[in-house]
């Protein structure tokens, strides 16, 4: 399972990374079923560690998928480059900056 996690995290091929993560998820569920009544705490600690790694990898893949989808939509509408597509469609500035800019706009519009 750790090998699949490492491969998923290291590869630049999104499809391969997703396949590795899904295979690892399947193995994790099967292993949990096999060892659910196991009194050895090391087994449960190891499975918990693997679960945390799987969850973290899943979040990273979700973020990358969202970024790719935003870039594809932006490119299809505007022909925007990869980096600016994400930045234009998702405001990555700190919330305080956004709030201050909105406050200025409100003052100007009154």
PDB file of N, CA and C in Angstrom:
ATOM      1  N   UNK A   1       0.820  -1.185   0.000  1.00  0.00           N
ATOM      2  CA  UNK A   1       0.000   0.000   0.000  1.00  0.00           C
ATOM      3  C   UNK A   1       0.866   1.251   0.000  1.00  0.00           C
ATOM      4  N   UNK A   2       1.922   1.226   0.781  1.00  0.00           N
ATOM      5  CA  UNK A   2       2.803   2.403   0.817  1.00  0.00           C
ATOM      6  C   UNK A   2       3.474   2.633  -0.540  1.00  0.00           C
ATOM      7  N   UNK A   3       3.780   1.561  -1.244  1.00  0.00           N
ATOM      8  CA  UNK A   3       4.371   1.691  -2.578  1.00  0.00           C
ATOM      9  C   UNK A   3       3.392   2.364  -3.527  1.00  0.00           C
ATOM     10  N   UNK A   4       2.125   1.983  -3.458  1.00  0.00           N
ATOM     11  CA  UNK A   4       1.107   2.614  -4.297  1.00  0.00           C
ATOM     12  C   UNK A   4       0.957   4.096  -3.952  1.00  0.00           C
ATOM     13  N   UNK A   5       0.987   4.420  -2.671  1.00  0.00           N
ATOM     14  CA  UNK A   5       0.906   5.817  -2.255  1.00  0.00           C
ATOM     15  C   UNK A   5       2.099   6.619  -2.766  1.00  0.00           C
ATOM     16  N   UNK A   6       3.277   6.039  -2.643  1.00  0.00           N
ATOM     17  CA  UNK A   6       4.485   6.711  -3.113  1.00  0.00           C
ATOM     18  C   UNK A   6       4.440   6.929  -4.619  1.00  0.00           C
ATOM     19  N   UNK A   7       4.040   5.909  -5.352  1.00  0.00           N
ATOM     20  CA  UNK A   7       3.938   6.024  -6.806  1.00  0.00           C
ATOM     21  C   UNK A   7       2.904   7.078  -7.193  1.00  0.00           C
ATOM     22  N   UNK A   8       1.769   7.083  -6.523  1.00  0.00           N
ATOM     23  CA  UNK A   8       0.719   8.067  -6.821  1.00  0.00           C
ATOM     24  C   UNK A   8       1.197   9.491  -6.560  1.00  0.00           C
ATOM     25  N   UNK A   9       1.972   9.666  -5.508  1.00  0.00           N
ATOM     26  CA  UNK A   9       2.467  10.997  -5.168  1.00  0.00           C
ATOM     27  C   UNK A   9       3.614  11.438  -6.071  1.00  0.00           C
ATOM     28  N   UNK A  10       4.373  10.490  -6.590  1.00  0.00           N
ATOM     29  CA  UNK A  10       5.570  10.830  -7.350  1.00  0.00           C
ATOM     30  C   UNK A  10       5.336  10.999  -8.847  1.00  0.00           C
ATOM     31  N   UNK A  11       4.316  10.354  -9.388  1.00  0.00           N
ATOM     32  CA  UNK A  11       4.127  10.386 -10.831  1.00  0.00           C
ATOM     33  C   UNK A  11       3.493  11.698 -11.294  1.00  0.00           C
ATOM     34  N   UNK A  12       3.827  12.107 -12.499  1.00  0.00           N
ATOM     35  CA  UNK A  12       3.215  13.284 -13.104  1.00  0.00           C
ATOM     36  C   UNK A  12       1.993  12.910 -13.931  1.00  0.00           C
ATOM     37  N   UNK A  13       1.780  11.621 -14.129  1.00  0.00           N
ATOM     38  CA  UNK A  13       0.639  11.120 -14.898  1.00  0.00           C
ATOM     39  C   UNK A  13      -0.571  11.043 -13.970  1.00  0.00           C
ATOM     40  N   UNK A  14      -1.549  11.931 -14.177  1.00  0.00           N
ATOM     41  CA  UNK A  14      -2.699  12.006 -13.282  1.00  0.00           C
ATOM     42  C   UNK A  14      -3.482  10.702 -13.283  1.00  0.00           C
ATOM     43  N   UNK A  15      -3.666  10.090 -14.449  1.00  0.00           N
ATOM     44  CA  UNK A  15      -4.439   8.849 -14.530  1.00  0.00           C
ATOM     45  C   UNK A  15      -3.771   7.721 -13.744  1.00  0.00           C
ATOM     46  N   UNK A  16      -2.458   7.615 -13.859  1.00  0.00           N
ATOM     47  CA  UNK A  16      -1.725   6.596 -13.104  1.00  0.00           C
ATOM     48  C   UNK A  16      -1.828   6.867 -11.600  1.00  0.00           C
ATOM     49  N   UNK A  17      -1.704   8.123 -11.216  1.00  0.00           N
ATOM     50  CA  UNK A  17      -1.811   8.477  -9.794  1.00  0.00           C
ATOM     51  C   UNK A  17      -3.184   8.109  -9.248  1.00  0.00           C
ATOM     52  N   UNK A  18      -4.226   8.399 -10.015  1.00  0.00           N
ATOM     53  CA  UNK A  18      -5.586   8.073  -9.576  1.00  0.00           C
ATOM     54  C   UNK A  18      -5.779   6.566  -9.483  1.00  0.00           C
ATOM     55  N   UNK A  19      -5.247   5.836 -10.456  1.00  0.00           N
ATOM     56  CA  UNK A  19      -5.352   4.369 -10.433  1.00  0.00           C
ATOM     57  C   UNK A  19      -4.642   3.793  -9.204  1.00  0.00           C
ATOM     58  N   UNK A  20      -3.454   4.306  -8.911  1.00  0.00           N
ATOM     59  CA  UNK A  20      -2.708   3.837  -7.732  1.00  0.00           C
ATOM     60  C   UNK A  20      -3.469   4.144  -6.444  1.00  0.00           C
ATOM     61  N   UNK A  21      -4.034   5.348  -6.358  1.00  0.00           N
ATOM     62  CA  UNK A  21      -4.778   5.717  -5.153  1.00  0.00           C
ATOM     63  C   UNK A  21      -6.007   4.830  -4.976  1.00  0.00           C
ATOM     64  N   UNK A  22      -6.734   4.589  -6.055  1.00  0.00           N
ATOM     65  CA  UNK A  22      -7.930   3.746  -5.964  1.00  0.00           C
ATOM     66  C   UNK A  22      -7.581   2.304  -5.603  1.00  0.00           C
ATOM     67  N   UNK A  23      -6.488   1.781  -6.171  1.00  0.00           N
ATOM     68  CA  UNK A  23      -6.043   0.431  -5.806  1.00  0.00           C
ATOM     69  C   UNK A  23      -5.648   0.367  -4.332  1.00  0.00           C
ATOM     70  N   UNK A  24      -4.989   1.402  -3.862  1.00  0.00           N
ATOM     71  CA  UNK A  24      -4.594   1.449  -2.457  1.00  0.00           C
ATOM     72  C   UNK A  24      -5.827   1.542  -1.553  1.00  0.00           C
ATOM     73  N   UNK A  25      -6.818   2.331  -1.974  1.00  0.00           N
ATOM     74  CA  UNK A  25      -8.080   2.415  -1.215  1.00  0.00           C
ATOM     75  C   UNK A  25      -8.717   1.027  -1.088  1.00  0.00           C
ATOM     76  N   UNK A  26      -8.750   0.291  -2.193  1.00  0.00           N
ATOM     77  CA  UNK A  26      -9.336  -1.051  -2.190  1.00  0.00           C
ATOM     78  C   UNK A  26      -8.571  -1.973  -1.247  1.00  0.00           C
ATOM     79  N   UNK A  27      -7.251  -1.959  -1.354  1.00  0.00           N
ATOM     80  CA  UNK A  27      -6.429  -2.784  -0.459  1.00  0.00           C
ATOM     81  C   UNK A  27      -6.628  -2.387   1.001  1.00  0.00           C
ATOM     82  N   UNK A  28      -6.748  -1.099   1.256  1.00  0.00           N
ATOM     83  CA  UNK A  28      -6.942  -0.635   2.625  1.00  0.00           C
ATOM     84  C   UNK A  28      -8.256  -1.177   3.192  1.00  0.00           C
ATOM     85  N   UNK A  29      -9.330  -1.087   2.406  1.00  0.00           N
ATOM     86  CA  UNK A  29     -10.629  -1.593   2.875  1.00  0.00           C
ATOM     87  C   UNK A  29     -10.592  -3.106   3.120  1.00  0.00           C
ATOM     88  N   UNK A  30      -9.965  -3.835   2.209  1.00  0.00           N
ATOM     89  CA  UNK A  30      -9.851  -5.287   2.387  1.00  0.00           C
ATOM     90  C   UNK A  30      -9.033  -5.628   3.632  1.00  0.00           C
ATOM     91  N   UNK A  31      -7.944  -4.915   3.827  1.00  0.00           N
ATOM     92  CA  UNK A  31      -7.092  -5.157   4.992  1.00  0.00           C
ATOM     93  C   UNK A  31      -7.840  -4.840   6.287  1.00  0.00           C
ATOM     94  N   UNK A  32      -8.616  -3.775   6.272  1.00  0.00           N
ATOM     95  CA  UNK A  32      -9.421  -3.437   7.462  1.00  0.00           C
ATOM     96  C   UNK A  32     -10.402  -4.547   7.791  1.00  0.00           C
ATOM     97  N   UNK A  33     -11.023  -5.124   6.769  1.00  0.00           N
ATOM     98  CA  UNK A  33     -11.972  -6.219   7.007  1.00  0.00           C
ATOM     99  C   UNK A  33     -11.266  -7.443   7.577  1.00  0.00           C
ATOM    100  N   UNK A  34     -10.101  -7.746   7.037  1.00  0.00           N
ATOM    101  CA  UNK A  34      -9.362  -8.924   7.486  1.00  0.00           C
ATOM    102  C   UNK A  34      -8.899  -8.762   8.934  1.00  0.00           C
ATOM    103  N   UNK A  35      -8.429  -7.571   9.288  1.00  0.00           N
ATOM    104  CA  UNK A  35      -7.828  -7.358  10.606  1.00  0.00           C
ATOM    105  C   UNK A  35      -8.728  -6.603  11.580  1.00  0.00           C
ATOM    106  N   UNK A  36     -10.018  -6.500  11.305  1.00  0.00           N
ATOM    107  CA  UNK A  36     -10.901  -5.717  12.181  1.00  0.00           C
ATOM    108  C   UNK A  36     -10.977  -6.277  13.600  1.00  0.00           C
ATOM    109  N   UNK A  37     -10.840  -7.565  13.757  1.00  0.00           N
ATOM    110  CA  UNK A  37     -10.899  -8.175  15.094  1.00  0.00           C
ATOM    111  C   UNK A  37      -9.515  -8.435  15.682  1.00  0.00           C
ATOM    112  N   UNK A  38      -8.504  -7.945  15.023  1.00  0.00           N
ATOM    113  CA  UNK A  38      -7.121  -8.150  15.461  1.00  0.00           C
ATOM    114  C   UNK A  38      -6.843  -7.309  16.712  1.00  0.00           C
ATOM    115  N   UNK A  39      -6.399  -7.921  17.792  1.00  0.00           N
ATOM    116  CA  UNK A  39      -6.137  -7.160  19.016  1.00  0.00           C
ATOM    117  C   UNK A  39      -4.817  -6.377  18.972  1.00  0.00           C
ATOM    118  N   UNK A  40      -3.956  -6.668  18.015  1.00  0.00           N
ATOM    119  CA  UNK A  40      -2.652  -6.007  17.939  1.00  0.00           C
ATOM    120  C   UNK A  40      -2.830  -4.529  17.560  1.00  0.00           C
ATOM    121  N   UNK A  41      -2.406  -3.661  18.449  1.00  0.00           N
ATOM    122  CA  UNK A  41      -2.582  -2.223  18.238  1.00  0.00           C
ATOM    123  C   UNK A  41      -1.729  -1.703  17.076  1.00  0.00           C
ATOM    124  N   UNK A  42      -0.602  -2.344  16.794  1.00  0.00           N
ATOM    125  CA  UNK A  42       0.268  -1.910  15.696  1.00  0.00           C
ATOM    126  C   UNK A  42      -0.461  -1.968  14.355  1.00  0.00           C
ATOM    127  N   UNK A  43      -1.304  -2.965  14.191  1.00  0.00           N
ATOM    128  CA  UNK A  43      -2.080  -3.098  12.953  1.00  0.00           C
ATOM    129  C   UNK A  43      -2.982  -1.887  12.785  1.00  0.00           C
ATOM    130  N   UNK A  44      -3.672  -1.511  13.843  1.00  0.00           N
ATOM    131  CA  UNK A  44      -4.615  -0.394  13.775  1.00  0.00           C
ATOM    132  C   UNK A  44      -3.894   0.945  13.602  1.00  0.00           C
ATOM    133  N   UNK A  45      -2.739   1.082  14.218  1.00  0.00           N
ATOM    134  CA  UNK A  45      -1.945   2.300  14.056  1.00  0.00           C
ATOM    135  C   UNK A  45      -1.469   2.424  12.614  1.00  0.00           C
ATOM    136  N   UNK A  46      -1.003   1.327  12.047  1.00  0.00           N
ATOM    137  CA  UNK A  46      -0.540   1.328  10.658  1.00  0.00           C
ATOM    138  C   UNK A  46      -1.685   1.643   9.704  1.00  0.00           C
ATOM    139  N   UNK A  47      -2.836   1.027   9.924  1.00  0.00           N
ATOM    140  CA  UNK A  47      -3.996   1.291   9.068  1.00  0.00           C
ATOM    141  C   UNK A  47      -4.454   2.743   9.197  1.00  0.00           C
ATOM    142  N   UNK A  48      -4.396   3.292  10.397  1.00  0.00           N
ATOM    143  CA  UNK A  48      -4.774   4.694  10.591  1.00  0.00           C
ATOM    144  C   UNK A  48      -3.805   5.616   9.858  1.00  0.00           C
ATOM    145  N   UNK A  49      -2.531   5.306   9.922  1.00  0.00           N
ATOM    146  CA  UNK A  49      -1.523   6.095   9.218  1.00  0.00           C
ATOM    147  C   UNK A  49      -1.751   6.052   7.707  1.00  0.00           C
ATOM    148  N   UNK A  50      -2.036   4.869   7.196  1.00  0.00           N
ATOM    149  CA  UNK A  50      -2.329   4.726   5.767  1.00  0.00           C
ATOM    150  C   UNK A  50      -3.592   5.498   5.386  1.00  0.00           C
ATOM    151  N   UNK A  51      -4.603   5.460   6.242  1.00  0.00           N
ATOM    152  CA  UNK A  51      -5.855   6.184   5.982  1.00  0.00           C
ATOM    153  C   UNK A  51      -5.599   7.681   5.871  1.00  0.00           C
ATOM    154  N   UNK A  52      -4.781   8.209   6.787  1.00  0.00           N
ATOM    155  CA  UNK A  52      -4.448   9.633   6.764  1.00  0.00           C
ATOM    156  C   UNK A  52      -3.709   9.998   5.482  1.00  0.00           C
ATOM    157  N   UNK A  53      -2.786   9.141   5.063  1.00  0.00           N
ATOM    158  CA  UNK A  53      -2.054   9.386   3.819  1.00  0.00           C
ATOM    159  C   UNK A  53      -2.986   9.336   2.612  1.00  0.00           C
ATOM    160  N   UNK A  54      -3.901   8.377   2.607  1.00  0.00           N
ATOM    161  CA  UNK A  54      -4.874   8.282   1.512  1.00  0.00           C
ATOM    162  C   UNK A  54      -5.773   9.516   1.460  1.00  0.00           C
ATOM    163  N   UNK A  55      -6.218   9.973   2.607  1.00  0.00           N
ATOM    164  CA  UNK A  55      -7.073  11.164   2.655  1.00  0.00           C
ATOM    165  C   UNK A  55      -6.329  12.399   2.151  1.00  0.00           C
ATOM    166  N   UNK A  56      -5.081  12.534   2.572  1.00  0.00           N
ATOM    167  CA  UNK A  56      -4.270  13.672   2.142  1.00  0.00           C
ATOM    168  C   UNK A  56      -4.044  13.633   0.630  1.00  0.00           C
ATOM    169  N   UNK A  57      -3.712  12.471   0.109  1.00  0.00           N
ATOM    170  CA  UNK A  57      -3.509  12.320  -1.331  1.00  0.00           C
ATOM    171  C   UNK A  57      -4.801  12.620  -2.089  1.00  0.00           C
ATOM    172  N   UNK A  58      -5.918  12.155  -1.567  1.00  0.00           N
ATOM    173  CA  UNK A  58      -7.208  12.425  -2.203  1.00  0.00           C
ATOM    174  C   UNK A  58      -7.504  13.912  -2.282  1.00  0.00           C
ATOM    175  N   UNK A  59      -7.202  14.658  -1.220  1.00  0.00           N
ATOM    176  CA  UNK A  59      -7.423  16.106  -1.219  1.00  0.00           C
ATOM    177  C   UNK A  59      -6.541  16.796  -2.252  1.00  0.00           C
ATOM    178  N   UNK A  60      -5.290  16.390  -2.319  1.00  0.00           N
ATOM    179  CA  UNK A  60      -4.372  16.976  -3.299  1.00  0.00           C
ATOM    180  C   UNK A  60      -4.873  16.709  -4.713  1.00  0.00           C
ATOM    181  N   UNK A  61      -5.320  15.490  -4.978  1.00  0.00           N
ATOM    182  CA  UNK A  61      -5.828  15.156  -6.306  1.00  0.00           C
ATOM    183  C   UNK A  61      -7.096  15.937  -6.631  1.00  0.00           C
ATOM    184  N   UNK A  62      -7.965  16.140  -5.652  1.00  0.00           N
ATOM    185  CA  UNK A  62      -9.173  16.939  -5.878  1.00  0.00           C
ATOM    186  C   UNK A  62      -8.812  18.369  -6.252  1.00  0.00           C
ATOM    187  N   UNK A  63      -7.847  18.956  -5.531  1.00  0.00           N
ATOM    188  CA  UNK A  63      -7.420  20.320  -5.822  1.00  0.00           C
ATOM    189  C   UNK A  63      -6.822  20.419  -7.219  1.00  0.00           C
ATOM    190  N   UNK A  64      -5.995  19.440  -7.584  1.00  0.00           N
ATOM    191  CA  UNK A  64      -5.394  19.452  -8.909  1.00  0.00           C
ATOM    192  C   UNK A  64      -6.440  19.253  -9.999  1.00  0.00           C
ATOM    193  N   UNK A  65      -7.424  18.405  -9.744  1.00  0.00           N
ATOM    194  CA  UNK A  65      -8.497  18.192 -10.709  1.00  0.00           C
ATOM    195  C   UNK A  65      -9.274  19.479 -10.918  1.00  0.00           C
ATOM    196  N   UNK A  66      -9.584  20.169  -9.836  1.00  0.00           N
ATOM    197  CA  UNK A  66     -10.303  21.433  -9.931  1.00  0.00           C
ATOM    198  C   UNK A  66      -9.489  22.453 -10.715  1.00  0.00           C
ATOM    199  N   UNK A  67      -8.200  22.523 -10.427  1.00  0.00           N
ATOM    200  CA  UNK A  67      -7.333  23.468 -11.129  1.00  0.00           C
ATOM    201  C   UNK A  67      -7.293  23.150 -12.622  1.00  0.00           C
ATOM    202  N   UNK A  68      -7.180  21.884 -12.976  1.00  0.00           N
ATOM    203  CA  UNK A  68      -7.147  21.475 -14.383  1.00  0.00           C
ATOM    204  C   UNK A  68      -8.465  21.823 -15.066  1.00  0.00           C
ATOM    205  N   UNK A  69      -9.586  21.548 -14.404  1.00  0.00           N
ATOM    206  CA  UNK A  69     -10.892  21.851 -14.993  1.00  0.00           C
ATOM    207  C   UNK A  69     -11.075  23.347 -15.199  1.00  0.00           C
ATOM    208  N   UNK A  70     -10.646  24.152 -14.245  1.00  0.00           N
ATOM    209  CA  UNK A  70     -10.743  25.606 -14.376  1.00  0.00           C
ATOM    210  C   UNK A  70      -9.891  26.083 -15.539  1.00  0.00           C
ATOM    211  N   UNK A  71      -8.680  25.555 -15.660  1.00  0.00           N
ATOM    212  CA  UNK A  71      -7.805  25.937 -16.762  1.00  0.00           C
ATOM    213  C   UNK A  71      -8.416  25.568 -18.105  1.00  0.00           C
ATOM    214  N   UNK A  72      -9.014  24.380 -18.193  1.00  0.00           N
ATOM    215  CA  UNK A  72      -9.631  23.951 -19.449  1.00  0.00           C
ATOM    216  C   UNK A  72     -10.805  24.845 -19.824  1.00  0.00           C
ATOM    217  N   UNK A  73     -11.627  25.194 -18.850  1.00  0.00           N
ATOM    218  CA  UNK A  73     -12.766  26.079 -19.123  1.00  0.00           C
ATOM    219  C   UNK A  73     -12.273  27.453 -19.549  1.00  0.00           C
ATOM    220  N   UNK A  74     -11.297  27.988 -18.831  1.00  0.00           N
ATOM    221  CA  UNK A  74     -10.769  29.310 -19.168  1.00  0.00           C
ATOM    222  C   UNK A  74     -10.143  29.314 -20.555  1.00  0.00           C
ATOM    223  N   UNK A  75      -9.414  28.270 -20.886  1.00  0.00           N
ATOM    224  CA  UNK A  75      -8.802  28.183 -22.212  1.00  0.00           C
ATOM    225  C   UNK A  75      -9.856  28.092 -23.306  1.00  0.00           C
ATOM    226  N   UNK A  76     -10.925  27.365 -23.051  1.00  0.00           N
ATOM    227  CA  UNK A  76     -11.957  27.222 -24.078  1.00  0.00           C
ATOM    228  C   UNK A  76     -12.710  28.533 -24.302  1.00  0.00           C
ATOM    229  N   UNK A  77     -12.819  29.367 -23.275  1.00  0.00           N
ATOM    230  CA  UNK A  77     -13.522  30.640 -23.423  1.00  0.00           C
ATOM    231  C   UNK A  77     -12.609  31.767 -23.888  1.00  0.00           C
ATOM    232  N   UNK A  78     -11.431  31.861 -23.318  1.00  0.00           N
ATOM    233  CA  UNK A  78     -10.592  33.035 -23.536  1.00  0.00           C
ATOM    234  C   UNK A  78      -9.260  32.759 -24.211  1.00  0.00           C
ATOM    235  N   UNK A  79      -8.822  31.534 -24.206  1.00  0.00           N
ATOM    236  CA  UNK A  79      -7.472  31.250 -24.667  1.00  0.00           C
ATOM    237  C   UNK A  79      -6.433  31.738 -23.674  1.00  0.00           C
ATOM    238  N   UNK A  80      -6.789  31.768 -22.397  1.00  0.00           N
ATOM    239  CA  UNK A  80      -5.891  32.247 -21.346  1.00  0.00           C
ATOM    240  C   UNK A  80      -4.825  31.192 -21.075  1.00  0.00           C
ATOM    241  N   UNK A  81      -3.637  31.647 -20.673  1.00  0.00           N
ATOM    242  CA  UNK A  81      -2.572  30.701 -20.344  1.00  0.00           C
ATOM    243  C   UNK A  81      -2.909  29.940 -19.073  1.00  0.00           C
ATOM    244  N   UNK A  82      -2.215  28.832 -18.861  1.00  0.00           N
ATOM    245  CA  UNK A  82      -2.500  27.932 -17.740  1.00  0.00           C
ATOM    246  C   UNK A  82      -2.490  28.634 -16.387  1.00  0.00           C
ATOM    247  N   UNK A  83      -1.452  29.400 -16.096  1.00  0.00           N
ATOM    248  CA  UNK A  83      -1.318  29.998 -14.771  1.00  0.00           C
ATOM    249  C   UNK A  83      -2.351  31.084 -14.519  1.00  0.00           C
ATOM    250  N   UNK A  84      -2.599  31.933 -15.504  1.00  0.00           N
ATOM    251  CA  UNK A  84      -3.542  33.022 -15.270  1.00  0.00           C
ATOM    252  C   UNK A  84      -4.971  32.526 -15.210  1.00  0.00           C
ATOM    253  N   UNK A  85      -5.282  31.413 -15.836  1.00  0.00           N
ATOM    254  CA  UNK A  85      -6.655  30.893 -15.808  1.00  0.00           C
ATOM    255  C   UNK A  85      -7.077  30.598 -14.378  1.00  0.00           C
ATOM    256  N   UNK A  86      -6.241  29.911 -13.657  1.00  0.00           N
ATOM    257  CA  UNK A  86      -6.571  29.561 -12.275  1.00  0.00           C
ATOM    258  C   UNK A  86      -6.641  30.813 -11.407  1.00  0.00           C
ATOM    259  N   UNK A  87      -5.669  31.687 -11.560  1.00  0.00           N
ATOM    260  CA  UNK A  87      -5.623  32.891 -10.739  1.00  0.00           C
ATOM    261  C   UNK A  87      -6.788  33.827 -11.036  1.00  0.00           C
ATOM    262  N   UNK A  88      -7.212  33.907 -12.298  1.00  0.00           N
ATOM    263  CA  UNK A  88      -8.325  34.779 -12.658  1.00  0.00           C
ATOM    264  C   UNK A  88      -9.657  34.248 -12.163  1.00  0.00           C
ATOM    265  N   UNK A  89      -9.841  32.931 -12.186  1.00  0.00           N
ATOM    266  CA  UNK A  89     -11.132  32.366 -11.832  1.00  0.00           C
ATOM    267  C   UNK A  89     -11.263  32.077 -10.336  1.00  0.00           C
ATOM    268  N   UNK A  90     -10.157  31.885  -9.656  1.00  0.00           N
ATOM    269  CA  UNK A  90     -10.180  31.628  -8.216  1.00  0.00           C
ATOM    270  C   UNK A  90      -9.333  32.702  -7.556  1.00  0.00           C
ATOM    271  N   UNK A  91      -9.946  33.487  -6.712  1.00  0.00           N
ATOM    272  CA  UNK A  91      -9.236  34.573  -6.054  1.00  0.00           C
ATOM    273  C   UNK A  91      -8.338  33.997  -4.975  1.00  0.00           C
ATOM    274  N   UNK A  92      -7.022  34.057  -5.209  1.00  0.00           N
ATOM    275  CA  UNK A  92      -6.063  33.465  -4.281  1.00  0.00           C
ATOM    276  C   UNK A  92      -5.506  34.491  -3.295  1.00  0.00           C
ATOM    277  N   UNK A  93      -6.004  35.722  -3.345  1.00  0.00           N
ATOM    278  CA  UNK A  93      -5.508  36.754  -2.433  1.00  0.00           C
ATOM    279  C   UNK A  93      -6.051  36.525  -1.027  1.00  0.00           C
ATOM    280  N   UNK A  94      -5.362  37.088  -0.025  1.00  0.00           N
ATOM    281  CA  UNK A  94      -5.878  36.986   1.339  1.00  0.00           C
ATOM    282  C   UNK A  94      -7.246  37.655   1.448  1.00  0.00           C
ATOM    283  N   UNK A  95      -8.102  37.135   2.312  1.00  0.00           N
ATOM    284  CA  UNK A  95      -9.457  37.671   2.451  1.00  0.00           C
ATOM    285  C   UNK A  95      -9.447  39.135   2.869  1.00  0.00           C
ATOM    286  N   UNK A  96      -8.471  39.546   3.663  1.00  0.00           N
ATOM    287  CA  UNK A  96      -8.422  40.944   4.096  1.00  0.00           C
ATOM    288  C   UNK A  96      -8.228  41.876   2.904  1.00  0.00           C
ATOM    289  N   UNK A  97      -7.411  41.466   1.938  1.00  0.00           N
ATOM    290  CA  UNK A  97      -7.195  42.269   0.736  1.00  0.00           C
ATOM    291  C   UNK A  97      -8.472  42.370  -0.075  1.00  0.00           C
ATOM    292  N   UNK A  98      -9.160  41.266  -0.243  1.00  0.00           N
ATOM    293  CA  UNK A  98     -10.406  41.254  -1.002  1.00  0.00           C
ATOM    294  C   UNK A  98     -11.431  42.149  -0.317  1.00  0.00           C
ATOM    295  N   UNK A  99     -11.528  42.051   1.003  1.00  0.00           N
ATOM    296  CA  UNK A  99     -12.483  42.858   1.755  1.00  0.00           C
ATOM    297  C   UNK A  99     -12.174  44.337   1.581  1.00  0.00           C
ATOM    298  N   UNK A 100     -10.896  44.717   1.686  1.00  0.00           N
ATOM    299  CA  UNK A 100     -10.521  46.118   1.542  1.00  0.00           C
ATOM    300  C   UNK A 100     -10.850  46.629   0.148  1.00  0.00           C
ATOM    301  N   UNK A 101     -10.598  45.835  -0.871  1.00  0.00           N
ATOM    302  CA  UNK A 101     -10.910  46.249  -2.234  1.00  0.00           C
ATOM    303  C   UNK A 101     -12.415  46.400  -2.420  1.00  0.00           C
ATOM    304  N   UNK A 102     -13.197  45.505  -1.865  1.00  0.00           N
ATOM    305  CA  UNK A 102     -14.651  45.608  -1.966  1.00  0.00           C
ATOM    306  C   UNK A 102     -15.163  46.852  -1.248  1.00  0.00           C
ATOM    307  N   UNK A 103     -14.548  47.191  -0.126  1.00  0.00           N
ATOM    308  CA  UNK A 103     -14.942  48.365   0.629  1.00  0.00           C
ATOM    309  C   UNK A 103     -14.691  49.627  -0.198  1.00  0.00           C
ATOM    310  N   UNK A 104     -13.564  49.677  -0.877  1.00  0.00           N
ATOM    311  CA  UNK A 104     -13.235  50.820  -1.721  1.00  0.00           C
ATOM    312  C   UNK A 104     -14.235  50.928  -2.864  1.00  0.00           C
ATOM    313  N   UNK A 105     -14.573  49.833  -3.478  1.00  0.00           N
ATOM    314  CA  UNK A 105     -15.534  49.837  -4.576  1.00  0.00           C
ATOM    315  C   UNK A 105     -16.886  50.344  -4.090  1.00  0.00           C
ATOM    316  N   UNK A 106     -17.303  49.936  -2.920  1.00  0.00           N
ATOM    317  CA  UNK A 106     -18.580  50.391  -2.373  1.00  0.00           C
ATOM    318  C   UNK A 106     -18.566  51.895  -2.155  1.00  0.00           C
ATOM    319  N   UNK A 107     -17.476  52.421  -1.650  1.00  0.00           N
ATOM    320  CA  UNK A 107     -17.383  53.861  -1.424  1.00  0.00           C
ATOM    321  C   UNK A 107     -17.472  54.617  -2.744  1.00  0.00           C
ATOM    322  N   UNK A 108     -16.831  54.082  -3.759  1.00  0.00           N
ATOM    323  CA  UNK A 108     -16.819  54.757  -5.054  1.00  0.00           C
ATOM    324  C   UNK A 108     -18.186  54.713  -5.717  1.00  0.00           C
ATOM    325  N   UNK A 109     -18.933  53.663  -5.497  1.00  0.00           N
ATOM    326  CA  UNK A 109     -20.213  53.525  -6.177  1.00  0.00           C
ATOM    327  C   UNK A 109     -21.329  54.324  -5.512  1.00  0.00           C
ATOM    328  N   UNK A 110     -21.101  54.820  -4.307  1.00  0.00           N
ATOM    329  CA  UNK A 110     -22.156  55.564  -3.589  1.00  0.00           C
ATOM    330  C   UNK A 110     -22.213  56.971  -4.030  1.00  0.00           C
TER     331      UNK A 110
END
